[in-house]
Amino acid sequence: LAPCQYLMAYATSPCLREIFVATPLQARKAQQMLERPSCSLLWDNRTGRLADHGDGVLVTAVGRAAAARPEEGRARFLERNPNMGRFLASDGVALFRISVARFEIVKGYGRPRRWEPPAV
């Protein structure tokens, strides 16, 4: 499977060491996470304005994905995404946990930073 990108709802643990996402097990994104657990997630606040070149922020989380245990992350995911309750309860939908090794943060050009969440 080639690397892919997807838009997904998510929730984080308070320490940011874990990120939870949900998807049907038959979906290509689930197969990607199961077959190639090394993954990254991207957040981008740019809006297309010229000021974004200096002020835009990009955050990349780098980690490994695995199927979450049923009790793991569910409450946090639904707290952040209350409209996803029916979806998460659907047959064949699984919650995945991404264990984050590091975040790479870039503001504007040439100002990258790396941050590792504290061990729990």
Foldseek 3Di string as FASTA:
>chain_A
DDDDDDDFQWFADPLRQKIKTKDFCPDPVVVCQVVPFWDKDKDKDDDPDPCQLAAIKMKMFTFGKDFDDPVPCPVRSCVRVVVCPVVCPDPRMTMMMTRTQWMWMDGHPDDIDIDGGDDD
